[in-house]
Amino acid sequence: MVKHIVLYTLKEGVDKEEAVRLIASVLEPLVGRIPGLLHLEIRRAFQGMDYALYSEFENSQALKEYAVHPLHLQAKEHFWHLLDSRVAADYEY
């Protein structure tokens, strides 16, 4: 299994609470709809970055396929313009 963790900052002037709710509402429902995506959660961070994405995948191939899956790409269209920066880490467990 693979854990995928991403920390994000939002652009200046973005309502952070509203943005995190929006992002969670379009990404979290992808569990069960994209093969190999086992768990995904979005939470507002209280120190450093604005929010965190935590997800689990069956394997590294499932993570690669998730990145280009049409449902994932469609979901990103709703919020990608709100993002300023991101830092990601993936590891097997």
C-alpha atoms as a PDB file:
ATOM      1  CA  MET A   1       0.000   0.000   0.000  1.00  0.00           C
ATOM      2  CA  VAL A   2       1.024   3.594  -0.611  1.00  0.00           C
ATOM      3  CA  LYS A   3       0.324   6.684   1.453  1.00  0.00           C
ATOM      4  CA  HIS A   4       0.117   9.991  -0.436  1.00  0.00           C
ATOM      5  CA  ILE A   5       0.346  13.185   1.607  1.00  0.00           C
ATOM      6  CA  VAL A   6       0.140  16.673   0.124  1.00  0.00           C
ATOM      7  CA  LEU A   7       0.308  19.992   1.954  1.00  0.00           C
ATOM      8  CA  TYR A   8      -1.055  23.078   0.220  1.00  0.00           C
ATOM      9  CA  THR A   9      -1.142  26.828   0.573  1.00  0.00           C
ATOM     10  CA  LEU A  10      -3.966  28.806  -0.943  1.00  0.00           C
ATOM     11  CA  LYS A  11      -3.648  32.080  -2.830  1.00  0.00           C
ATOM     12  CA  GLU A  12      -3.836  35.350  -0.952  1.00  0.00           C
ATOM     13  CA  GLY A  13      -7.417  36.495  -0.404  1.00  0.00           C
ATOM     14  CA  VAL A  14      -9.009  33.038  -0.711  1.00  0.00           C
ATOM     15  CA  ASP A  15     -11.519  32.187   2.021  1.00  0.00           C
ATOM     16  CA  LYS A  16      -9.643  29.214   3.465  1.00  0.00           C
ATOM     17  CA  GLU A  17     -12.526  27.567   5.296  1.00  0.00           C
ATOM     18  CA  GLU A  18     -14.750  27.759   2.222  1.00  0.00           C
ATOM     19  CA  ALA A  19     -11.962  26.532  -0.070  1.00  0.00           C
ATOM     20  CA  VAL A  20     -11.201  23.510   2.095  1.00  0.00           C
ATOM     21  CA  ARG A  21     -14.902  22.585   2.211  1.00  0.00           C
ATOM     22  CA  LEU A  22     -15.081  22.855  -1.585  1.00  0.00           C
ATOM     23  CA  ILE A  23     -11.941  20.778  -2.130  1.00  0.00           C
ATOM     24  CA  ALA A  24     -13.104  18.080   0.273  1.00  0.00           C
ATOM     25  CA  SER A  25     -16.534  17.994  -1.370  1.00  0.00           C
ATOM     26  CA  VAL A  26     -15.091  17.182  -4.796  1.00  0.00           C
ATOM     27  CA  LEU A  27     -12.165  14.928  -3.843  1.00  0.00           C
ATOM     28  CA  GLU A  28     -13.402  12.799  -0.942  1.00  0.00           C
ATOM     29  CA  PRO A  29     -16.292  11.266  -2.968  1.00  0.00           C
ATOM     30  CA  LEU A  30     -13.739   9.829  -5.421  1.00  0.00           C
ATOM     31  CA  VAL A  31     -13.091   6.956  -2.985  1.00  0.00           C
ATOM     32  CA  GLY A  32     -14.882   3.957  -4.436  1.00  0.00           C
ATOM     33  CA  ARG A  33     -15.100   5.593  -7.853  1.00  0.00           C
ATOM     34  CA  ILE A  34     -11.415   5.430  -8.817  1.00  0.00           C
ATOM     35  CA  PRO A  35      -9.812   1.976  -8.753  1.00  0.00           C
ATOM     36  CA  GLY A  36      -7.074   1.573  -6.161  1.00  0.00           C
ATOM     37  CA  LEU A  37      -7.994   4.703  -4.154  1.00  0.00           C
ATOM     38  CA  LEU A  38      -8.728   3.330  -0.697  1.00  0.00           C
ATOM     39  CA  HIS A  39      -8.995   6.455   1.462  1.00  0.00           C
ATOM     40  CA  LEU A  40      -8.828  10.223   0.966  1.00  0.00           C
ATOM     41  CA  GLU A  41      -9.398  13.047   3.396  1.00  0.00           C
ATOM     42  CA  ILE A  42      -8.914  16.797   3.303  1.00  0.00           C
ATOM     43  CA  ARG A  43      -8.425  18.777   6.502  1.00  0.00           C
ATOM     44  CA  ARG A  44      -7.641  22.395   7.308  1.00  0.00           C
ATOM     45  CA  ALA A  45      -4.142  22.670   8.745  1.00  0.00           C
ATOM     46  CA  PHE A  46      -3.666  24.784  11.847  1.00  0.00           C
ATOM     47  CA  GLN A  47       0.042  25.436  11.482  1.00  0.00           C
ATOM     48  CA  GLY A  48       2.234  26.112   8.464  1.00  0.00           C
ATOM     49  CA  MET A  49       0.293  25.154   5.354  1.00  0.00           C
ATOM     50  CA  ASP A  50      -3.407  25.878   4.756  1.00  0.00           C
ATOM     51  CA  TYR A  51      -4.658  22.324   4.299  1.00  0.00           C
ATOM     52  CA  ALA A  52      -3.555  18.728   4.045  1.00  0.00           C
ATOM     53  CA  LEU A  53      -4.619  15.910   1.746  1.00  0.00           C
ATOM     54  CA  TYR A  54      -4.065  12.401   3.082  1.00  0.00           C
ATOM     55  CA  SER A  55      -4.807   9.397   0.901  1.00  0.00           C
ATOM     56  CA  GLU A  56      -4.082   5.694   0.661  1.00  0.00           C
ATOM     57  CA  PHE A  57      -3.709   3.597  -2.489  1.00  0.00           C
ATOM     58  CA  GLU A  58      -3.419  -0.118  -3.153  1.00  0.00           C
ATOM     59  CA  ASN A  59       0.012   0.392  -4.743  1.00  0.00           C
ATOM     60  CA  SER A  60       2.179   2.926  -6.580  1.00  0.00           C
ATOM     61  CA  GLN A  61       0.558   2.076  -9.918  1.00  0.00           C
ATOM     62  CA  ALA A  62      -2.872   2.977  -8.504  1.00  0.00           C
ATOM     63  CA  LEU A  63      -1.470   6.348  -7.404  1.00  0.00           C
ATOM     64  CA  LYS A  64      -0.080   6.983 -10.904  1.00  0.00           C
ATOM     65  CA  GLU A  65      -3.422   6.085 -12.462  1.00  0.00           C
ATOM     66  CA  TYR A  66      -5.309   8.299  -9.989  1.00  0.00           C
ATOM     67  CA  ALA A  67      -3.202  11.298 -11.015  1.00  0.00           C
ATOM     68  CA  VAL A  68      -4.479  11.111 -14.605  1.00  0.00           C
ATOM     69  CA  HIS A  69      -7.915   9.601 -14.004  1.00  0.00           C
ATOM     70  CA  PRO A  70     -10.673  11.674 -15.683  1.00  0.00           C
ATOM     71  CA  LEU A  71     -12.713  11.953 -12.453  1.00  0.00           C
ATOM     72  CA  HIS A  72      -9.686  13.294 -10.577  1.00  0.00           C
ATOM     73  CA  LEU A  73      -8.844  15.758 -13.348  1.00  0.00           C
ATOM     74  CA  GLN A  74     -12.459  16.921 -13.457  1.00  0.00           C
ATOM     75  CA  ALA A  75     -12.512  17.448  -9.672  1.00  0.00           C
ATOM     76  CA  LYS A  76      -9.300  19.500  -9.782  1.00  0.00           C
ATOM     77  CA  GLU A  77     -10.924  21.965 -12.207  1.00  0.00           C
ATOM     78  CA  HIS A  78     -13.104  23.175  -9.309  1.00  0.00           C
ATOM     79  CA  PHE A  79     -10.205  24.350  -7.143  1.00  0.00           C
ATOM     80  CA  TRP A  80      -6.848  24.296  -8.943  1.00  0.00           C
ATOM     81  CA  HIS A  81      -7.056  28.070  -9.517  1.00  0.00           C
ATOM     82  CA  LEU A  82      -7.187  28.624  -5.713  1.00  0.00           C
ATOM     83  CA  LEU A  83      -3.832  26.948  -5.006  1.00  0.00           C
ATOM     84  CA  ASP A  84      -0.563  28.750  -4.474  1.00  0.00           C
ATOM     85  CA  SER A  85       1.904  25.985  -3.592  1.00  0.00           C
ATOM     86  CA  ARG A  86       2.110  22.329  -2.685  1.00  0.00           C
ATOM     87  CA  VAL A  87       4.544  19.844  -1.187  1.00  0.00           C
ATOM     88  CA  ALA A  88       3.962  16.114  -1.593  1.00  0.00           C
ATOM     89  CA  ALA A  89       5.384  12.888  -0.223  1.00  0.00           C
ATOM     90  CA  ASP A  90       4.535   9.303  -1.072  1.00  0.00           C
ATOM     91  CA  TYR A  91       5.709   6.178   0.666  1.00  0.00           C
ATOM     92  CA  GLU A  92       4.972   2.477   0.792  1.00  0.00           C
ATOM     93  CA  TYR A  93       3.870   0.755   3.987  1.00  0.00           C
END
